Amino acid sequence: MKKLPLIVIALFALGSGILISWLVHDTRTVTLEAGQWFADQAKILPGFELVDHNNQKLGNPQLSGKWSLLFFGYTNCPDICPASLQTLSNMMNAIDDSDVRKSIQVIFVSVDPERDSPEILKPYVQYFDQDFIGATAPLTALNRLTDAVGIGHSRDKTSEEASNYDVSHSSAIILINPAVEFAGIFGAPLNASMMARDMVKIVEHG
């Protein structure tokens, strides 16, 4: 009979420990308005290397420690790309907390490396926001990243010599967490205000 209180105390202590652990590290899924958050199901990115608009390397180390929003397109895109980049610019402007804004980087990844050199990418992305980053790479290197995050792209070209062509590509915006993991996705239609509120939730959740 005297052992019963000890058992009760042990169970209480165990339960308290679980509760404290849950309060300290809440891994519940963040409910988003505009996107999908993978939480504990985030997938680590394989090693990849692009070149940014300043001719500097952009790979896993450059994503570490930041929340990165990746949009894939090309500078000759007539509609989806400029509209999406403008939405991302509006989203950043809608975030009032400067600490949250500083923790987010927007990266435009060109899937048209033949035409989109760093010199072309720099003025293009900075037209939308001076802090936006443009990057690309030869297709073999680029595909390491696009395959990992499920972004499809293909060149619509009637002949190999043609220089005037379109590129079909996915319009989703990919979220990479500070641990360089594929952590979420924003699909069309994009809404700057809802995305801004979502990113505040995500950054504050950690």
C-alpha atoms as a PDB file:
ATOM      1  CA  MET A   1       0.000   0.000   0.000  1.00  0.00           C
ATOM      2  CA  LYS A   2       2.873   2.397   0.781  1.00  0.00           C
ATOM      3  CA  LYS A   3       4.240   1.961  -2.768  1.00  0.00           C
ATOM      4  CA  LEU A   4       1.146   3.531  -4.346  1.00  0.00           C
ATOM      5  CA  PRO A   5       2.027   7.162  -3.543  1.00  0.00           C
ATOM      6  CA  LEU A   6       5.486   6.650  -5.052  1.00  0.00           C
ATOM      7  CA  ILE A   7       3.928   5.391  -8.265  1.00  0.00           C
ATOM      8  CA  VAL A   8       1.551   8.352  -8.347  1.00  0.00           C
ATOM      9  CA  ILE A   9       4.443  10.775  -7.782  1.00  0.00           C
ATOM     10  CA  ALA A  10       6.485   9.106 -10.527  1.00  0.00           C
ATOM     11  CA  LEU A  11       3.600   9.314 -12.993  1.00  0.00           C
ATOM     12  CA  PHE A  12       2.981  12.941 -12.076  1.00  0.00           C
ATOM     13  CA  ALA A  13       6.666  13.776 -12.598  1.00  0.00           C
ATOM     14  CA  LEU A  14       6.676  12.006 -15.957  1.00  0.00           C
ATOM     15  CA  GLY A  15       3.569  13.828 -17.059  1.00  0.00           C
ATOM     16  CA  SER A  16       4.969  17.163 -15.927  1.00  0.00           C
ATOM     17  CA  GLY A  17       8.171  16.520 -17.868  1.00  0.00           C
ATOM     18  CA  ILE A  18       6.249  15.755 -21.035  1.00  0.00           C
ATOM     19  CA  LEU A  19       4.147  18.895 -20.584  1.00  0.00           C
ATOM     20  CA  ILE A  20       7.199  21.107 -20.033  1.00  0.00           C
ATOM     21  CA  SER A  21       8.914  19.585 -23.066  1.00  0.00           C
ATOM     22  CA  TRP A  22       5.826  20.265 -25.180  1.00  0.00           C
ATOM     23  CA  LEU A  23       5.611  23.859 -23.979  1.00  0.00           C
ATOM     24  CA  VAL A  24       9.296  24.486 -24.649  1.00  0.00           C
ATOM     25  CA  HIS A  25       9.321  22.868 -28.094  1.00  0.00           C
ATOM     26  CA  ASP A  26       5.858  22.904 -29.653  1.00  0.00           C
ATOM     27  CA  THR A  27       6.121  21.093 -32.987  1.00  0.00           C
ATOM     28  CA  ARG A  28       2.479  21.451 -33.941  1.00  0.00           C
ATOM     29  CA  THR A  29       1.800  22.384 -37.553  1.00  0.00           C
ATOM     30  CA  VAL A  30       1.421  26.102 -38.228  1.00  0.00           C
ATOM     31  CA  THR A  31      -1.965  26.851 -39.783  1.00  0.00           C
ATOM     32  CA  LEU A  32      -1.410  28.979 -42.862  1.00  0.00           C
ATOM     33  CA  GLU A  33      -3.783  31.065 -44.964  1.00  0.00           C
ATOM     34  CA  ALA A  34      -1.932  30.890 -48.270  1.00  0.00           C
ATOM     35  CA  GLY A  35       0.490  28.002 -48.112  1.00  0.00           C
ATOM     36  CA  GLN A  36       1.322  24.588 -46.751  1.00  0.00           C
ATOM     37  CA  TRP A  37       3.770  24.098 -43.875  1.00  0.00           C
ATOM     38  CA  PHE A  38       5.547  20.741 -43.579  1.00  0.00           C
ATOM     39  CA  ALA A  39       6.681  21.163 -39.933  1.00  0.00           C
ATOM     40  CA  ASP A  40       8.440  17.965 -38.795  1.00  0.00           C
ATOM     41  CA  GLN A  41       8.138  16.512 -42.307  1.00  0.00           C
ATOM     42  CA  ALA A  42      10.567  19.059 -43.781  1.00  0.00           C
ATOM     43  CA  LYS A  43      13.074  17.417 -46.113  1.00  0.00           C
ATOM     44  CA  ILE A  44      16.766  18.324 -46.127  1.00  0.00           C
ATOM     45  CA  LEU A  45      18.010  19.694 -49.434  1.00  0.00           C
ATOM     46  CA  PRO A  46      20.778  17.880 -51.287  1.00  0.00           C
ATOM     47  CA  GLY A  47      23.943  19.813 -52.003  1.00  0.00           C
ATOM     48  CA  PHE A  48      23.554  22.234 -54.909  1.00  0.00           C
ATOM     49  CA  GLU A  49      25.398  25.242 -56.294  1.00  0.00           C
ATOM     50  CA  LEU A  50      24.065  28.176 -58.303  1.00  0.00           C
ATOM     51  CA  VAL A  51      25.632  31.510 -59.255  1.00  0.00           C
ATOM     52  CA  ASP A  52      23.904  34.651 -57.982  1.00  0.00           C
ATOM     53  CA  HIS A  53      23.511  38.010 -59.734  1.00  0.00           C
ATOM     54  CA  ASN A  54      26.819  39.183 -58.274  1.00  0.00           C
ATOM     55  CA  ASN A  55      28.652  36.164 -59.711  1.00  0.00           C
ATOM     56  CA  GLN A  56      28.966  34.658 -56.234  1.00  0.00           C
ATOM     57  CA  LYS A  57      28.216  31.067 -55.254  1.00  0.00           C
ATOM     58  CA  LEU A  58      24.736  30.395 -53.948  1.00  0.00           C
ATOM     59  CA  GLY A  59      24.158  26.994 -52.390  1.00  0.00           C
ATOM     60  CA  ASN A  60      23.272  25.332 -49.118  1.00  0.00           C
ATOM     61  CA  PRO A  61      25.583  27.554 -46.990  1.00  0.00           C
ATOM     62  CA  GLN A  62      23.936  30.725 -48.334  1.00  0.00           C
ATOM     63  CA  LEU A  63      20.481  29.438 -47.324  1.00  0.00           C
ATOM     64  CA  SER A  64      21.561  28.486 -43.814  1.00  0.00           C
ATOM     65  CA  GLY A  65      20.175  30.653 -41.026  1.00  0.00           C
ATOM     66  CA  LYS A  66      17.510  32.332 -43.163  1.00  0.00           C
ATOM     67  CA  TRP A  67      13.953  31.624 -44.212  1.00  0.00           C
ATOM     68  CA  SER A  68      14.254  31.494 -48.016  1.00  0.00           C
ATOM     69  CA  LEU A  69      11.433  31.893 -50.521  1.00  0.00           C
ATOM     70  CA  LEU A  70      12.448  30.473 -53.904  1.00  0.00           C
ATOM     71  CA  PHE A  71      10.566  31.308 -57.082  1.00  0.00           C
ATOM     72  CA  PHE A  72      11.596  29.649 -60.341  1.00  0.00           C
ATOM     73  CA  GLY A  73      11.106  31.389 -63.679  1.00  0.00           C
ATOM     74  CA  TYR A  74      12.960  33.404 -66.316  1.00  0.00           C
ATOM     75  CA  THR A  75      13.386  37.055 -67.210  1.00  0.00           C
ATOM     76  CA  ASN A  76      11.625  36.776 -70.589  1.00  0.00           C
ATOM     77  CA  CYS A  77       8.524  35.378 -68.894  1.00  0.00           C
ATOM     78  CA  PRO A  78       5.605  37.563 -70.061  1.00  0.00           C
ATOM     79  CA  ASP A  79       3.259  37.364 -67.092  1.00  0.00           C
ATOM     80  CA  ILE A  80       3.578  34.826 -64.252  1.00  0.00           C
ATOM     81  CA  CYS A  81       7.133  35.751 -63.241  1.00  0.00           C
ATOM     82  CA  PRO A  82       6.763  39.529 -62.981  1.00  0.00           C
ATOM     83  CA  ALA A  83       3.384  39.138 -61.275  1.00  0.00           C
ATOM     84  CA  SER A  84       4.787  36.666 -58.732  1.00  0.00           C
ATOM     85  CA  LEU A  85       7.842  38.798 -57.994  1.00  0.00           C
ATOM     86  CA  GLN A  86       5.634  41.834 -57.503  1.00  0.00           C
ATOM     87  CA  THR A  87       3.501  39.805 -55.088  1.00  0.00           C
ATOM     88  CA  LEU A  88       6.626  38.809 -53.163  1.00  0.00           C
ATOM     89  CA  SER A  89       7.700  42.455 -53.045  1.00  0.00           C
ATOM     90  CA  ASN A  90       4.276  43.450 -51.731  1.00  0.00           C
ATOM     91  CA  MET A  91       4.468  40.636 -49.170  1.00  0.00           C
ATOM     92  CA  MET A  92       7.784  41.888 -47.820  1.00  0.00           C
ATOM     93  CA  ASN A  93       6.437  45.436 -47.607  1.00  0.00           C
ATOM     94  CA  ALA A  94       3.389  44.166 -45.703  1.00  0.00           C
ATOM     95  CA  ILE A  95       5.540  42.705 -42.891  1.00  0.00           C
ATOM     96  CA  ASP A  96       5.802  45.395 -40.210  1.00  0.00           C
ATOM     97  CA  ASP A  97       8.285  43.601 -37.963  1.00  0.00           C
ATOM     98  CA  SER A  98      11.782  44.482 -39.197  1.00  0.00           C
ATOM     99  CA  ASP A  99      13.297  41.449 -37.446  1.00  0.00           C
ATOM    100  CA  VAL A 100      10.937  39.146 -39.336  1.00  0.00           C
ATOM    101  CA  ARG A 101      11.748  40.876 -42.633  1.00  0.00           C
ATOM    102  CA  LYS A 102      15.489  40.532 -42.017  1.00  0.00           C
ATOM    103  CA  SER A 103      15.097  36.796 -41.429  1.00  0.00           C
ATOM    104  CA  ILE A 104      13.560  36.265 -44.898  1.00  0.00           C
ATOM    105  CA  GLN A 105      15.334  36.253 -48.244  1.00  0.00           C
ATOM    106  CA  VAL A 106      13.647  36.040 -51.640  1.00  0.00           C
ATOM    107  CA  ILE A 107      15.541  34.242 -54.391  1.00  0.00           C
ATOM    108  CA  PHE A 108      14.516  34.216 -58.047  1.00  0.00           C
ATOM    109  CA  VAL A 109      16.019  31.142 -59.708  1.00  0.00           C
ATOM    110  CA  SER A 110      16.149  31.325 -63.480  1.00  0.00           C
ATOM    111  CA  VAL A 111      15.435  28.094 -65.318  1.00  0.00           C
ATOM    112  CA  ASP A 112      16.706  29.723 -68.532  1.00  0.00           C
ATOM    113  CA  PRO A 113      20.467  29.857 -67.963  1.00  0.00           C
ATOM    114  CA  GLU A 114      21.224  30.327 -71.667  1.00  0.00           C
ATOM    115  CA  ARG A 115      19.715  33.819 -71.692  1.00  0.00           C
ATOM    116  CA  ASP A 116      19.680  34.788 -68.006  1.00  0.00           C
ATOM    117  CA  SER A 117      23.242  35.652 -67.096  1.00  0.00           C
ATOM    118  CA  PRO A 118      24.039  37.290 -63.739  1.00  0.00           C
ATOM    119  CA  GLU A 119      24.262  40.616 -65.570  1.00  0.00           C
ATOM    120  CA  ILE A 120      20.703  40.160 -66.848  1.00  0.00           C
ATOM    121  CA  LEU A 121      19.344  38.879 -63.544  1.00  0.00           C
ATOM    122  CA  LYS A 122      20.616  41.707 -61.336  1.00  0.00           C
ATOM    123  CA  PRO A 123      18.587  44.626 -62.723  1.00  0.00           C
ATOM    124  CA  TYR A 124      15.617  42.345 -63.272  1.00  0.00           C
ATOM    125  CA  VAL A 125      15.223  41.225 -59.660  1.00  0.00           C
ATOM    126  CA  GLN A 126      16.240  44.577 -58.193  1.00  0.00           C
ATOM    127  CA  TYR A 127      13.468  46.288 -60.147  1.00  0.00           C
ATOM    128  CA  PHE A 128      11.062  44.523 -57.774  1.00  0.00           C
ATOM    129  CA  ASP A 129      13.142  44.818 -54.604  1.00  0.00           C
ATOM    130  CA  GLN A 130      16.754  45.849 -54.001  1.00  0.00           C
ATOM    131  CA  ASP A 131      17.204  42.932 -51.598  1.00  0.00           C
ATOM    132  CA  PHE A 132      15.935  40.227 -53.954  1.00  0.00           C
ATOM    133  CA  ILE A 133      18.535  37.754 -55.182  1.00  0.00           C
ATOM    134  CA  GLY A 134      18.745  36.375 -58.713  1.00  0.00           C
ATOM    135  CA  ALA A 135      20.520  33.096 -59.419  1.00  0.00           C
ATOM    136  CA  THR A 136      20.924  30.417 -62.041  1.00  0.00           C
ATOM    137  CA  ALA A 137      23.206  27.571 -63.126  1.00  0.00           C
ATOM    138  CA  PRO A 138      23.710  25.175 -66.033  1.00  0.00           C
ATOM    139  CA  LEU A 139      20.758  22.826 -66.284  1.00  0.00           C
ATOM    140  CA  THR A 140      22.590  19.820 -64.870  1.00  0.00           C
ATOM    141  CA  ALA A 141      23.398  21.753 -61.701  1.00  0.00           C
ATOM    142  CA  LEU A 142      20.047  23.537 -61.631  1.00  0.00           C
ATOM    143  CA  ASN A 143      18.141  20.261 -61.807  1.00  0.00           C
ATOM    144  CA  ARG A 144      19.652  19.073 -58.526  1.00  0.00           C
ATOM    145  CA  LEU A 145      17.649  21.797 -56.842  1.00  0.00           C
ATOM    146  CA  THR A 146      14.497  21.730 -58.970  1.00  0.00           C
ATOM    147  CA  ASP A 147      14.182  17.947 -58.691  1.00  0.00           C
ATOM    148  CA  ALA A 148      14.553  18.134 -54.904  1.00  0.00           C
ATOM    149  CA  VAL A 149      11.680  20.598 -54.508  1.00  0.00           C
ATOM    150  CA  GLY A 150       9.412  19.252 -57.255  1.00  0.00           C
ATOM    151  CA  ILE A 151       9.702  22.145 -59.704  1.00  0.00           C
ATOM    152  CA  GLY A 152       9.161  21.157 -63.320  1.00  0.00           C
ATOM    153  CA  HIS A 153      10.543  23.196 -66.210  1.00  0.00           C
ATOM    154  CA  SER A 154      11.086  22.671 -69.929  1.00  0.00           C
ATOM    155  CA  ARG A 155      12.060  24.803 -72.889  1.00  0.00           C
ATOM    156  CA  ASP A 156       9.479  25.261 -75.637  1.00  0.00           C
ATOM    157  CA  LYS A 157      11.780  25.587 -78.599  1.00  0.00           C
ATOM    158  CA  THR A 158      11.099  24.749 -82.233  1.00  0.00           C
ATOM    159  CA  SER A 159      14.787  24.458 -83.111  1.00  0.00           C
ATOM    160  CA  GLU A 160      18.063  24.417 -81.266  1.00  0.00           C
ATOM    161  CA  GLU A 161      19.109  27.632 -83.049  1.00  0.00           C
ATOM    162  CA  ALA A 162      16.011  29.606 -82.117  1.00  0.00           C
ATOM    163  CA  SER A 163      16.645  32.340 -79.569  1.00  0.00           C
ATOM    164  CA  ASN A 164      13.046  33.444 -79.124  1.00  0.00           C
ATOM    165  CA  TYR A 165      11.383  30.784 -77.016  1.00  0.00           C
ATOM    166  CA  ASP A 166       9.266  30.324 -73.917  1.00  0.00           C
ATOM    167  CA  VAL A 167      10.046  28.174 -70.892  1.00  0.00           C
ATOM    168  CA  SER A 168       7.310  26.228 -69.169  1.00  0.00           C
ATOM    169  CA  HIS A 169       7.772  26.110 -65.409  1.00  0.00           C
ATOM    170  CA  SER A 170       5.960  25.517 -62.149  1.00  0.00           C
ATOM    171  CA  SER A 171       4.662  28.669 -60.490  1.00  0.00           C
ATOM    172  CA  ALA A 172       4.870  27.518 -56.855  1.00  0.00           C
ATOM    173  CA  ILE A 173       6.986  29.401 -54.334  1.00  0.00           C
ATOM    174  CA  ILE A 174       9.186  27.098 -52.270  1.00  0.00           C
ATOM    175  CA  LEU A 175       9.940  27.725 -48.602  1.00  0.00           C
ATOM    176  CA  ILE A 176      13.330  26.641 -47.236  1.00  0.00           C
ATOM    177  CA  ASN A 177      13.879  26.826 -43.487  1.00  0.00           C
ATOM    178  CA  PRO A 178      17.082  28.024 -41.744  1.00  0.00           C
ATOM    179  CA  ALA A 179      18.237  24.400 -41.443  1.00  0.00           C
ATOM    180  CA  VAL A 180      18.214  24.263 -45.293  1.00  0.00           C
ATOM    181  CA  GLU A 181      15.200  21.953 -45.464  1.00  0.00           C
ATOM    182  CA  PHE A 182      12.290  22.033 -47.922  1.00  0.00           C
ATOM    183  CA  ALA A 183       9.736  23.228 -45.373  1.00  0.00           C
ATOM    184  CA  GLY A 184       6.679  24.489 -47.226  1.00  0.00           C
ATOM    185  CA  ILE A 185       5.056  25.673 -50.417  1.00  0.00           C
ATOM    186  CA  PHE A 186       2.870  28.536 -51.600  1.00  0.00           C
ATOM    187  CA  GLY A 187       0.741  27.799 -54.654  1.00  0.00           C
ATOM    188  CA  ALA A 188      -1.305  29.993 -56.972  1.00  0.00           C
ATOM    189  CA  PRO A 189      -3.213  32.196 -56.637  1.00  0.00           C
ATOM    190  CA  LEU A 190      -0.732  34.188 -54.565  1.00  0.00           C
ATOM    191  CA  ASN A 191      -1.945  36.800 -52.107  1.00  0.00           C
ATOM    192  CA  ALA A 192       0.642  39.184 -50.635  1.00  0.00           C
ATOM    193  CA  SER A 193      -1.269  40.001 -47.449  1.00  0.00           C
ATOM    194  CA  MET A 194      -1.996  36.376 -46.597  1.00  0.00           C
ATOM    195  CA  MET A 195       1.576  35.334 -47.377  1.00  0.00           C
ATOM    196  CA  ALA A 196       2.890  38.131 -45.144  1.00  0.00           C
ATOM    197  CA  ARG A 197       0.767  36.927 -42.228  1.00  0.00           C
ATOM    198  CA  ASP A 198       1.855  33.339 -42.904  1.00  0.00           C
ATOM    199  CA  MET A 199       5.542  34.242 -42.902  1.00  0.00           C
ATOM    200  CA  VAL A 200       5.196  36.102 -39.612  1.00  0.00           C
ATOM    201  CA  LYS A 201       3.604  32.986 -38.087  1.00  0.00           C
ATOM    202  CA  ILE A 202       6.318  30.739 -39.497  1.00  0.00           C
ATOM    203  CA  VAL A 203       9.245  32.901 -38.398  1.00  0.00           C
ATOM    204  CA  GLU A 204       7.807  33.450 -34.928  1.00  0.00           C
ATOM    205  CA  HIS A 205       7.092  29.717 -34.576  1.00  0.00           C
ATOM    206  CA  GLY A 206      10.718  29.025 -35.401  1.00  0.00           C
END
